[in-house]
Amino acid sequence: MTDSCPPGLPKPYGPYDHYDAVTYTPYPINIPRARRHVAHLTTTWGHPHSAGDAALLARELCTNALLHGCLRDRLFRVETSFTGNALRVAVTDPRGERFPYPQTSSPDDQFGRGLLIVRTLAARWAVEKLTVGKTVWAELDIPKHPTEPAPRRLEGFRNPCRP
């Protein structure tokens, strides 16, 4: 289900240039669906150069929601918005008592790098506690001119495959 604007905001989009929200059932098949949808929106909204990074943020946030924040038969929501020069991907899940935190992982670990990826790609990210559940969001800074490459934040990134 796609909403045309967030609740309580006048049409077309309130403070947003573009806004979209989709609610998904808590099954793994919906992670690539959400990723593709966010990439499609980013491209449709005129920023195809940022679609890959936006899709990666969506994948990591949705995976964390599914693994750590979802309850059986409770939906999670992916909101994508664009304002000025920032693209935000926000994922809301029903488990407000379980906040994400960056973990240290060894090169042999299969899990534990999602928030490192989010911190590396996103200009900003945060967690908001809700009355029921939480929202984890991340923002990409989008260049004003489509020919410019999107800025990358790489300080503090360590390749886990290299000593």
Protein backbone atom coordinates (compact mmCIF):
# COMPACT_ATOMS: atom_id res chain seq x y z
CA MET A 1 0.00 0.00 0.00
CA THR A 2 1.44 3.38 -0.98
CA ASP A 3 0.34 6.59 0.71
CA SER A 4 0.28 9.84 -1.21
CA CYS A 5 1.31 11.92 1.80
CA PRO A 6 2.01 11.36 5.49
CA PRO A 7 -0.95 11.64 7.89
CA GLY A 8 -1.86 15.15 8.99
CA LEU A 9 -0.05 17.01 6.21
CA PRO A 10 -1.83 19.03 3.54
CA LYS A 11 -1.45 17.81 0.00
CA PRO A 12 0.60 17.59 -2.04
CA TYR A 13 3.41 16.72 0.40
CA GLY A 14 3.52 19.11 3.34
CA PRO A 15 7.15 20.08 3.94
CA TYR A 16 8.48 17.51 1.43
CA ASP A 17 9.28 17.91 -2.24
CA HIS A 18 8.46 14.18 -2.63
CA TYR A 19 7.09 11.62 -0.19
CA ASP A 20 6.15 7.95 -0.33
CA ALA A 21 5.32 5.32 2.30
CA VAL A 22 4.79 1.60 1.90
CA THR A 23 3.79 -0.90 4.57
CA TYR A 24 5.18 -4.44 4.32
CA THR A 25 4.52 -7.75 6.00
CA PRO A 26 7.50 -9.02 8.05
CA TYR A 27 8.82 -11.56 5.56
CA PRO A 28 12.29 -11.65 3.98
CA ILE A 29 10.84 -11.38 0.45
CA ASN A 30 9.86 -7.79 1.23
CA ILE A 31 13.42 -6.59 1.80
CA PRO A 32 14.36 -6.67 -1.92
CA ARG A 33 10.92 -5.27 -2.77
CA ALA A 34 11.52 -2.28 -0.49
CA ARG A 35 15.06 -1.84 -1.85
CA ARG A 36 13.85 -1.81 -5.45
CA HIS A 37 11.01 0.55 -4.60
CA VAL A 38 13.33 3.07 -2.92
CA ALA A 39 15.76 2.89 -5.88
CA HIS A 40 12.87 3.43 -8.31
CA LEU A 41 11.60 6.45 -6.35
CA THR A 42 15.06 7.98 -6.18
CA THR A 43 15.44 7.63 -9.94
CA THR A 44 11.91 8.86 -10.64
CA TRP A 45 12.50 11.91 -8.44
CA GLY A 46 15.45 12.85 -10.66
CA HIS A 47 18.46 11.47 -8.78
CA PRO A 48 19.48 8.22 -10.46
CA HIS A 49 23.12 8.70 -9.34
CA SER A 50 21.96 8.23 -5.71
CA ALA A 51 19.61 5.29 -6.31
CA GLY A 52 22.19 2.64 -5.43
CA ASP A 53 23.11 4.25 -2.10
CA ALA A 54 19.43 4.82 -1.25
CA ALA A 55 18.65 1.18 -2.06
CA LEU A 56 21.52 -0.01 0.12
CA LEU A 57 20.30 2.12 3.04
CA ALA A 58 16.79 0.73 2.59
CA ARG A 59 18.08 -2.83 2.52
CA GLU A 60 20.12 -2.44 5.69
CA LEU A 61 17.37 -0.63 7.63
CA CYS A 62 14.71 -3.14 6.51
CA THR A 63 16.94 -6.10 7.35
CA ASN A 64 17.53 -4.71 10.85
CA ALA A 65 13.80 -4.12 11.29
CA LEU A 66 12.99 -7.64 10.17
CA LEU A 67 15.68 -9.33 12.27
CA HIS A 68 15.44 -7.24 15.42
CA GLY A 69 12.29 -5.13 15.37
CA CYS A 70 9.39 -7.05 13.90
CA LEU A 71 6.79 -9.11 15.67
CA ARG A 72 4.71 -11.84 14.12
CA ASP A 73 1.84 -10.41 12.08
CA ARG A 74 2.93 -6.80 12.76
CA LEU A 75 3.85 -4.72 9.73
CA PHE A 76 6.86 -2.52 9.15
CA ARG A 77 6.76 0.72 7.19
CA VAL A 78 9.28 2.25 4.78
CA GLU A 79 9.00 5.99 4.18
CA THR A 80 11.04 7.74 1.52
CA SER A 81 11.13 11.51 1.30
CA PHE A 82 13.09 14.16 -0.53
CA THR A 83 13.45 17.74 0.67
CA GLY A 84 15.84 20.32 -0.78
CA ASN A 85 19.02 18.33 -1.11
CA ALA A 86 18.41 15.41 1.30
CA LEU A 87 16.85 12.03 0.62
CA ARG A 88 15.57 10.27 3.75
CA VAL A 89 14.80 6.58 4.11
CA ALA A 90 12.96 5.77 7.34
CA VAL A 91 11.87 2.34 8.56
CA THR A 92 9.35 1.97 11.38
CA ASP A 93 8.89 -1.30 13.26
CA PRO A 94 6.79 -2.30 16.30
CA ARG A 95 9.63 -3.06 18.78
CA GLY A 96 10.38 0.22 20.54
CA GLU A 97 12.32 -1.45 23.34
CA ARG A 98 15.03 -2.75 20.97
CA PHE A 99 17.24 0.07 19.71
CA PRO A 100 19.95 -0.56 17.13
CA TYR A 101 23.56 -0.06 18.09
CA PRO A 102 26.73 -0.45 16.04
CA GLN A 103 28.54 -3.73 16.67
CA THR A 104 32.12 -4.76 16.19
CA SER A 105 32.39 -7.73 13.88
CA SER A 106 35.31 -9.87 12.86
CA PRO A 107 36.10 -10.71 9.22
CA ASP A 108 34.53 -14.17 9.70
CA ASP A 109 31.18 -12.87 11.02
CA GLN A 110 28.20 -13.10 8.68
CA PHE A 111 26.22 -10.38 10.48
CA GLY A 112 26.88 -7.17 12.36
CA ARG A 113 27.90 -4.72 9.63
CA GLY A 114 24.53 -3.16 8.75
CA LEU A 115 24.86 -0.04 10.88
CA LEU A 116 28.46 0.39 9.78
CA ILE A 117 27.19 0.54 6.21
CA VAL A 118 24.46 3.01 7.22
CA ARG A 119 26.96 5.20 9.11
CA THR A 120 29.33 5.15 6.13
CA LEU A 121 26.78 6.04 3.45
CA ALA A 122 24.47 8.39 5.32
CA ALA A 123 25.18 12.01 6.09
CA ARG A 124 22.90 11.66 9.14
CA TRP A 125 21.03 8.85 10.84
CA ALA A 126 19.09 8.46 14.08
CA VAL A 127 16.50 6.46 15.98
CA GLU A 128 13.20 7.95 17.13
CA LYS A 129 11.20 6.24 19.87
CA LEU A 130 7.47 6.19 19.16
CA THR A 131 4.51 5.47 21.41
CA VAL A 132 4.48 2.02 19.83
CA GLY A 133 7.69 1.01 18.13
CA LYS A 134 10.55 3.06 16.71
CA THR A 135 11.71 4.65 13.49
CA VAL A 136 15.28 4.37 12.26
CA TRP A 137 16.11 6.84 9.52
CA ALA A 138 19.10 7.76 7.41
CA GLU A 139 19.65 10.68 5.05
CA LEU A 140 21.75 11.04 1.94
CA ASP A 141 22.94 14.46 0.87
CA ILE A 142 21.96 14.85 -2.77
CA PRO A 143 23.97 17.24 -4.96
CA LYS A 144 22.01 20.13 -6.45
CA HIS A 145 23.25 19.35 -9.96
CA PRO A 146 22.57 15.80 -11.18
CA THR A 147 25.98 15.59 -12.86
CA GLU A 148 27.83 15.95 -9.53
CA PRO A 149 28.61 12.70 -7.73
CA ALA A 150 26.85 12.22 -4.41
CA PRO A 151 29.07 13.13 -1.45
CA ARG A 152 30.44 10.18 0.52
CA ARG A 153 31.26 10.07 4.20
CA LEU A 154 34.18 7.69 4.67
CA GLU A 155 35.87 8.77 7.87
CA GLY A 156 35.85 6.03 10.45
CA PHE A 157 35.31 3.32 7.84
CA ARG A 158 37.58 0.35 8.10
CA ASN A 159 37.51 -2.40 5.53
CA PRO A 160 36.81 -5.55 7.58
CA CYS A 161 38.72 -7.64 5.03
CA ARG A 162 41.99 -5.76 5.47
CA PRO A 163 44.11 -5.61 8.62
